[in-house]
Amino acid sequence: MGRIKTRLVKAITHQLLEEYRDSFNTDYEDNKVKVAELTDTKSKKLRNIIAGYVTRIIKAEAK
C-alpha cells in the first residue's frame, strides 16, 4: 500500500489537471518541473508529492 495523500495535495493536483492536463505526461521528472512552474509551492517535498500524484493519475488513465 502507498502513502495516503492529504486533501491539499489532492485538491492542488486535480486543479492542475483540470487546467493544464496537456502539459503533463508519464515522466515524473518532467512533471516535477511543470508543477514548479505552475504552482507557488515553497516546499520541495510538497512539489514532489504533487508531481508524483500527477504522474500516477496520468499513468492510470493511459492504461
PDB file of N, CA and C in Angstrom:
ATOM      1  N   MET A   1       0.833  -1.183   0.000  1.00  0.00           N
ATOM      2  CA  MET A   1       0.000   0.000   0.000  1.00  0.00           C
ATOM      3  C   MET A   1       0.873   1.240   0.000  1.00  0.00           C
ATOM      4  N   GLY A   2       0.378   2.263  -0.645  1.00  0.00           N
ATOM      5  CA  GLY A   2       1.130   3.501  -0.734  1.00  0.00           C
ATOM      6  C   GLY A   2       0.763   4.473   0.362  1.00  0.00           C
ATOM      7  N   ARG A   3       1.380   5.620   0.307  1.00  0.00           N
ATOM      8  CA  ARG A   3       1.074   6.652   1.289  1.00  0.00           C
ATOM      9  C   ARG A   3      -0.240   7.318   0.930  1.00  0.00           C
ATOM     10  N   ILE A   4      -0.959   7.747   1.937  1.00  0.00           N
ATOM     11  CA  ILE A   4      -2.246   8.410   1.731  1.00  0.00           C
ATOM     12  C   ILE A   4      -1.985   9.889   1.455  1.00  0.00           C
ATOM     13  N   LYS A   5      -2.615  10.417   0.426  1.00  0.00           N
ATOM     14  CA  LYS A   5      -2.445  11.820   0.047  1.00  0.00           C
ATOM     15  C   LYS A   5      -3.429  12.690   0.829  1.00  0.00           C
ATOM     16  N   THR A   6      -2.967  13.858   1.251  1.00  0.00           N
ATOM     17  CA  THR A   6      -3.813  14.772   2.008  1.00  0.00           C
ATOM     18  C   THR A   6      -4.775  15.505   1.074  1.00  0.00           C
ATOM     19  N   ARG A   7      -5.745  16.164   1.664  1.00  0.00           N
ATOM     20  CA  ARG A   7      -6.721  16.930   0.874  1.00  0.00           C
ATOM     21  C   ARG A   7      -6.053  18.038   0.082  1.00  0.00           C
ATOM     22  N   LEU A   8      -5.041  18.654   0.671  1.00  0.00           N
ATOM     23  CA  LEU A   8      -4.334  19.736  -0.009  1.00  0.00           C
ATOM     24  C   LEU A   8      -3.675  19.224  -1.282  1.00  0.00           C
ATOM     25  N   VAL A   9      -2.988  18.095  -1.187  1.00  0.00           N
ATOM     26  CA  VAL A   9      -2.308  17.526  -2.355  1.00  0.00           C
ATOM     27  C   VAL A   9      -3.316  17.141  -3.417  1.00  0.00           C
ATOM     28  N   LYS A  10      -4.405  16.493  -3.016  1.00  0.00           N
ATOM     29  CA  LYS A  10      -5.427  16.074  -3.976  1.00  0.00           C
ATOM     30  C   LYS A  10      -6.085  17.282  -4.636  1.00  0.00           C
ATOM     31  N   ALA A  11      -6.377  18.315  -3.860  1.00  0.00           N
ATOM     32  CA  ALA A  11      -7.044  19.497  -4.408  1.00  0.00           C
ATOM     33  C   ALA A  11      -6.152  20.210  -5.414  1.00  0.00           C
ATOM     34  N   ILE A  12      -4.893  20.410  -5.073  1.00  0.00           N
ATOM     35  CA  ILE A  12      -3.971  21.086  -5.982  1.00  0.00           C
ATOM     36  C   ILE A  12      -3.781  20.260  -7.246  1.00  0.00           C
ATOM     37  N   THR A  13      -3.619  18.941  -7.087  1.00  0.00           N
ATOM     38  CA  THR A  13      -3.397  18.066  -8.234  1.00  0.00           C
ATOM     39  C   THR A  13      -4.589  18.078  -9.180  1.00  0.00           C
ATOM     40  N   HIS A  14      -5.787  17.941  -8.654  1.00  0.00           N
ATOM     41  CA  HIS A  14      -6.971  17.922  -9.512  1.00  0.00           C
ATOM     42  C   HIS A  14      -7.189  19.269 -10.197  1.00  0.00           C
ATOM     43  N   GLN A  15      -6.865  20.355  -9.500  1.00  0.00           N
ATOM     44  CA  GLN A  15      -6.988  21.675 -10.114  1.00  0.00           C
ATOM     45  C   GLN A  15      -5.980  21.828 -11.256  1.00  0.00           C
ATOM     46  N   LEU A  16      -4.757  21.372 -11.050  1.00  0.00           N
ATOM     47  CA  LEU A  16      -3.750  21.437 -12.112  1.00  0.00           C
ATOM     48  C   LEU A  16      -4.150  20.590 -13.310  1.00  0.00           C
ATOM     49  N   LEU A  17      -4.699  19.410 -13.057  1.00  0.00           N
ATOM     50  CA  LEU A  17      -5.097  18.527 -14.153  1.00  0.00           C
ATOM     51  C   LEU A  17      -6.289  19.082 -14.921  1.00  0.00           C
ATOM     52  N   GLU A  18      -7.191  19.788 -14.246  1.00  0.00           N
ATOM     53  CA  GLU A  18      -8.318  20.401 -14.943  1.00  0.00           C
ATOM     54  C   GLU A  18      -7.842  21.504 -15.893  1.00  0.00           C
ATOM     55  N   GLU A  19      -6.881  22.300 -15.444  1.00  0.00           N
ATOM     56  CA  GLU A  19      -6.455  23.454 -16.217  1.00  0.00           C
ATOM     57  C   GLU A  19      -5.330  23.145 -17.212  1.00  0.00           C
ATOM     58  N   TYR A  20      -4.410  22.259 -16.844  1.00  0.00           N
ATOM     59  CA  TYR A  20      -3.206  22.058 -17.645  1.00  0.00           C
ATOM     60  C   TYR A  20      -2.939  20.590 -17.962  1.00  0.00           C
ATOM     61  N   ARG A  21      -3.971  19.807 -18.209  1.00  0.00           N
ATOM     62  CA  ARG A  21      -3.802  18.363 -18.434  1.00  0.00           C
ATOM     63  C   ARG A  21      -2.825  18.058 -19.568  1.00  0.00           C
ATOM     64  N   ASP A  22      -2.834  18.851 -20.619  1.00  0.00           N
ATOM     65  CA  ASP A  22      -1.967  18.591 -21.765  1.00  0.00           C
ATOM     66  C   ASP A  22      -0.494  18.841 -21.465  1.00  0.00           C
ATOM     67  N   SER A  23      -0.205  19.574 -20.400  1.00  0.00           N
ATOM     68  CA  SER A  23       1.182  19.874 -20.049  1.00  0.00           C
ATOM     69  C   SER A  23       1.888  18.701 -19.381  1.00  0.00           C
ATOM     70  N   PHE A  24       1.134  17.772 -18.830  1.00  0.00           N
ATOM     71  CA  PHE A  24       1.714  16.680 -18.058  1.00  0.00           C
ATOM     72  C   PHE A  24       1.802  15.402 -18.877  1.00  0.00           C
ATOM     73  N   ASN A  25       2.765  14.546 -18.535  1.00  0.00           N
ATOM     74  CA  ASN A  25       2.915  13.252 -19.181  1.00  0.00           C
ATOM     75  C   ASN A  25       3.282  12.198 -18.138  1.00  0.00           C
ATOM     76  N   THR A  26       3.742  11.046 -18.561  1.00  0.00           N
ATOM     77  CA  THR A  26       4.020   9.956 -17.628  1.00  0.00           C
ATOM     78  C   THR A  26       5.427  10.010 -17.049  1.00  0.00           C
ATOM     79  N   ASP A  27       6.198  11.039 -17.356  1.00  0.00           N
ATOM     80  CA  ASP A  27       7.558  11.172 -16.830  1.00  0.00           C
ATOM     81  C   ASP A  27       7.543  12.054 -15.582  1.00  0.00           C
ATOM     82  N   TYR A  28       7.989  11.486 -14.472  1.00  0.00           N
ATOM     83  CA  TYR A  28       7.974  12.188 -13.198  1.00  0.00           C
ATOM     84  C   TYR A  28       8.844  13.443 -13.222  1.00  0.00           C
ATOM     85  N   GLU A  29      10.027  13.353 -13.790  1.00  0.00           N
ATOM     86  CA  GLU A  29      10.949  14.493 -13.802  1.00  0.00           C
ATOM     87  C   GLU A  29      10.363  15.677 -14.573  1.00  0.00           C
ATOM     88  N   ASP A  30       9.738  15.417 -15.703  1.00  0.00           N
ATOM     89  CA  ASP A  30       9.084  16.492 -16.465  1.00  0.00           C
ATOM     90  C   ASP A  30       7.936  17.101 -15.674  1.00  0.00           C
ATOM     91  N   ASN A  31       7.154  16.252 -15.021  1.00  0.00           N
ATOM     92  CA  ASN A  31       6.021  16.737 -14.234  1.00  0.00           C
ATOM     93  C   ASN A  31       6.489  17.567 -13.044  1.00  0.00           C
ATOM     94  N   LYS A  32       7.622  17.206 -12.466  1.00  0.00           N
ATOM     95  CA  LYS A  32       8.159  17.962 -11.334  1.00  0.00           C
ATOM     96  C   LYS A  32       8.498  19.388 -11.753  1.00  0.00           C
ATOM     97  N   VAL A  33       9.078  19.541 -12.921  1.00  0.00           N
ATOM     98  CA  VAL A  33       9.414  20.877 -13.429  1.00  0.00           C
ATOM     99  C   VAL A  33       8.144  21.667 -13.723  1.00  0.00           C
ATOM    100  N   LYS A  34       7.149  21.020 -14.331  1.00  0.00           N
ATOM    101  CA  LYS A  34       5.885  21.692 -14.653  1.00  0.00           C
ATOM    102  C   LYS A  34       5.160  22.145 -13.395  1.00  0.00           C
ATOM    103  N   VAL A  35       5.128  21.296 -12.364  1.00  0.00           N
ATOM    104  CA  VAL A  35       4.466  21.668 -11.107  1.00  0.00           C
ATOM    105  C   VAL A  35       5.165  22.866 -10.492  1.00  0.00           C
ATOM    106  N   ALA A  36       6.482  22.897 -10.549  1.00  0.00           N
ATOM    107  CA  ALA A  36       7.231  24.039 -10.000  1.00  0.00           C
ATOM    108  C   ALA A  36       6.900  25.319 -10.751  1.00  0.00           C
ATOM    109  N   GLU A  37       6.700  25.225 -12.072  1.00  0.00           N
ATOM    110  CA  GLU A  37       6.362  26.403 -12.864  1.00  0.00           C
ATOM    111  C   GLU A  37       4.932  26.876 -12.610  1.00  0.00           C
ATOM    112  N   LEU A  38       4.000  25.936 -12.457  1.00  0.00           N
ATOM    113  CA  LEU A  38       2.580  26.274 -12.403  1.00  0.00           C
ATOM    114  C   LEU A  38       2.070  26.599 -11.000  1.00  0.00           C
ATOM    115  N   THR A  39       2.812  26.218  -9.977  1.00  0.00           N
ATOM    116  CA  THR A  39       2.375  26.500  -8.610  1.00  0.00           C
ATOM    117  C   THR A  39       3.420  27.342  -7.897  1.00  0.00           C
ATOM    118  N   ASP A  40       3.049  27.812  -6.722  1.00  0.00           N
ATOM    119  CA  ASP A  40       3.989  28.602  -5.926  1.00  0.00           C
ATOM    120  C   ASP A  40       4.333  27.883  -4.624  1.00  0.00           C
ATOM    121  N   THR A  41       4.499  26.564  -4.701  1.00  0.00           N
ATOM    122  CA  THR A  41       4.845  25.798  -3.509  1.00  0.00           C
ATOM    123  C   THR A  41       6.268  26.128  -3.091  1.00  0.00           C
ATOM    124  N   LYS A  42       6.438  26.412  -1.840  1.00  0.00           N
ATOM    125  CA  LYS A  42       7.753  26.749  -1.302  1.00  0.00           C
ATOM    126  C   LYS A  42       8.543  25.494  -0.934  1.00  0.00           C
ATOM    127  N   SER A  43       7.826  24.420  -0.673  1.00  0.00           N
ATOM    128  CA  SER A  43       8.445  23.198  -0.188  1.00  0.00           C
ATOM    129  C   SER A  43       8.747  22.239  -1.339  1.00  0.00           C
ATOM    130  N   LYS A  44       9.979  21.728  -1.383  1.00  0.00           N
ATOM    131  CA  LYS A  44      10.332  20.742  -2.397  1.00  0.00           C
ATOM    132  C   LYS A  44       9.572  19.446  -2.172  1.00  0.00           C
ATOM    133  N   LYS A  45       9.370  19.096  -0.926  1.00  0.00           N
ATOM    134  CA  LYS A  45       8.666  17.852  -0.611  1.00  0.00           C
ATOM    135  C   LYS A  45       7.234  17.894  -1.124  1.00  0.00           C
ATOM    136  N   LEU A  46       6.535  18.992  -0.913  1.00  0.00           N
ATOM    137  CA  LEU A  46       5.161  19.132  -1.394  1.00  0.00           C
ATOM    138  C   LEU A  46       5.122  19.118  -2.922  1.00  0.00           C
ATOM    139  N   ARG A  47       6.064  19.807  -3.552  1.00  0.00           N
ATOM    140  CA  ARG A  47       6.139  19.798  -5.017  1.00  0.00           C
ATOM    141  C   ARG A  47       6.331  18.376  -5.545  1.00  0.00           C
ATOM    142  N   ASN A  48       7.208  17.624  -4.917  1.00  0.00           N
ATOM    143  CA  ASN A  48       7.484  16.261  -5.365  1.00  0.00           C
ATOM    144  C   ASN A  48       6.293  15.337  -5.156  1.00  0.00           C
ATOM    145  N   ILE A  49       5.571  15.505  -4.054  1.00  0.00           N
ATOM    146  CA  ILE A  49       4.389  14.682  -3.799  1.00  0.00           C
ATOM    147  C   ILE A  49       3.321  14.972  -4.846  1.00  0.00           C
ATOM    148  N   ILE A  50       3.111  16.245  -5.157  1.00  0.00           N
ATOM    149  CA  ILE A  50       2.121  16.622  -6.172  1.00  0.00           C
ATOM    150  C   ILE A  50       2.526  16.075  -7.533  1.00  0.00           C
ATOM    151  N   ALA A  51       3.792  16.200  -7.887  1.00  0.00           N
ATOM    152  CA  ALA A  51       4.263  15.702  -9.180  1.00  0.00           C
ATOM    153  C   ALA A  51       4.107  14.184  -9.265  1.00  0.00           C
ATOM    154  N   GLY A  52       4.367  13.487  -8.186  1.00  0.00           N
ATOM    155  CA  GLY A  52       4.199  12.042  -8.176  1.00  0.00           C
ATOM    156  C   GLY A  52       2.754  11.634  -8.317  1.00  0.00           C
ATOM    157  N   TYR A  53       1.874  12.363  -7.683  1.00  0.00           N
ATOM    158  CA  TYR A  53       0.444  12.060  -7.775  1.00  0.00           C
ATOM    159  C   TYR A  53      -0.083  12.351  -9.184  1.00  0.00           C
ATOM    160  N   VAL A  54       0.386  13.440  -9.783  1.00  0.00           N
ATOM    161  CA  VAL A  54       0.011  13.749 -11.165  1.00  0.00           C
ATOM    162  C   VAL A  54       0.468  12.621 -12.084  1.00  0.00           C
ATOM    163  N   THR A  55       1.693  12.180 -11.916  1.00  0.00           N
ATOM    164  CA  THR A  55       2.244  11.108 -12.739  1.00  0.00           C
ATOM    165  C   THR A  55       1.442   9.831 -12.578  1.00  0.00           C
ATOM    166  N   ARG A  56       1.083   9.527 -11.354  1.00  0.00           N
ATOM    167  CA  ARG A  56       0.295   8.308 -11.089  1.00  0.00           C
ATOM    168  C   ARG A  56      -1.077   8.354 -11.771  1.00  0.00           C
ATOM    169  N   ILE A  57      -1.722   9.518 -11.709  1.00  0.00           N
ATOM    170  CA  ILE A  57      -3.048   9.664 -12.327  1.00  0.00           C
ATOM    171  C   ILE A  57      -2.935   9.544 -13.849  1.00  0.00           C
ATOM    172  N   ILE A  58      -1.940  10.194 -14.441  1.00  0.00           N
ATOM    173  CA  ILE A  58      -1.753  10.147 -15.888  1.00  0.00           C
ATOM    174  C   ILE A  58      -1.468   8.702 -16.348  1.00  0.00           C
ATOM    175  N   LYS A  59      -0.628   7.991 -15.593  1.00  0.00           N
ATOM    176  CA  LYS A  59      -0.325   6.589 -15.947  1.00  0.00           C
ATOM    177  C   LYS A  59      -1.564   5.717 -15.829  1.00  0.00           C
ATOM    178  N   ALA A  60      -2.393   5.961 -14.821  1.00  0.00           N
ATOM    179  CA  ALA A  60      -3.609   5.161 -14.647  1.00  0.00           C
ATOM    180  C   ALA A  60      -4.591   5.403 -15.785  1.00  0.00           C
ATOM    181  N   GLU A  61      -4.661   6.630 -16.264  1.00  0.00           N
ATOM    182  CA  GLU A  61      -5.553   6.945 -17.384  1.00  0.00           C
ATOM    183  C   GLU A  61      -5.044   6.349 -18.689  1.00  0.00           C
ATOM    184  N   ALA A  62      -3.736   6.175 -18.807  1.00  0.00           N
ATOM    185  CA  ALA A  62      -3.146   5.624 -20.031  1.00  0.00           C
ATOM    186  C   ALA A  62      -3.458   4.139 -20.195  1.00  0.00           C
ATOM    187  N   LYS A  63      -3.706   3.471 -19.077  1.00  0.00           N
ATOM    188  CA  LYS A  63      -4.000   2.033 -19.144  1.00  0.00           C
ATOM    189  C   LYS A  63      -5.321   1.712 -19.733  1.00  0.00           C
TER     190      LYS A  63
END
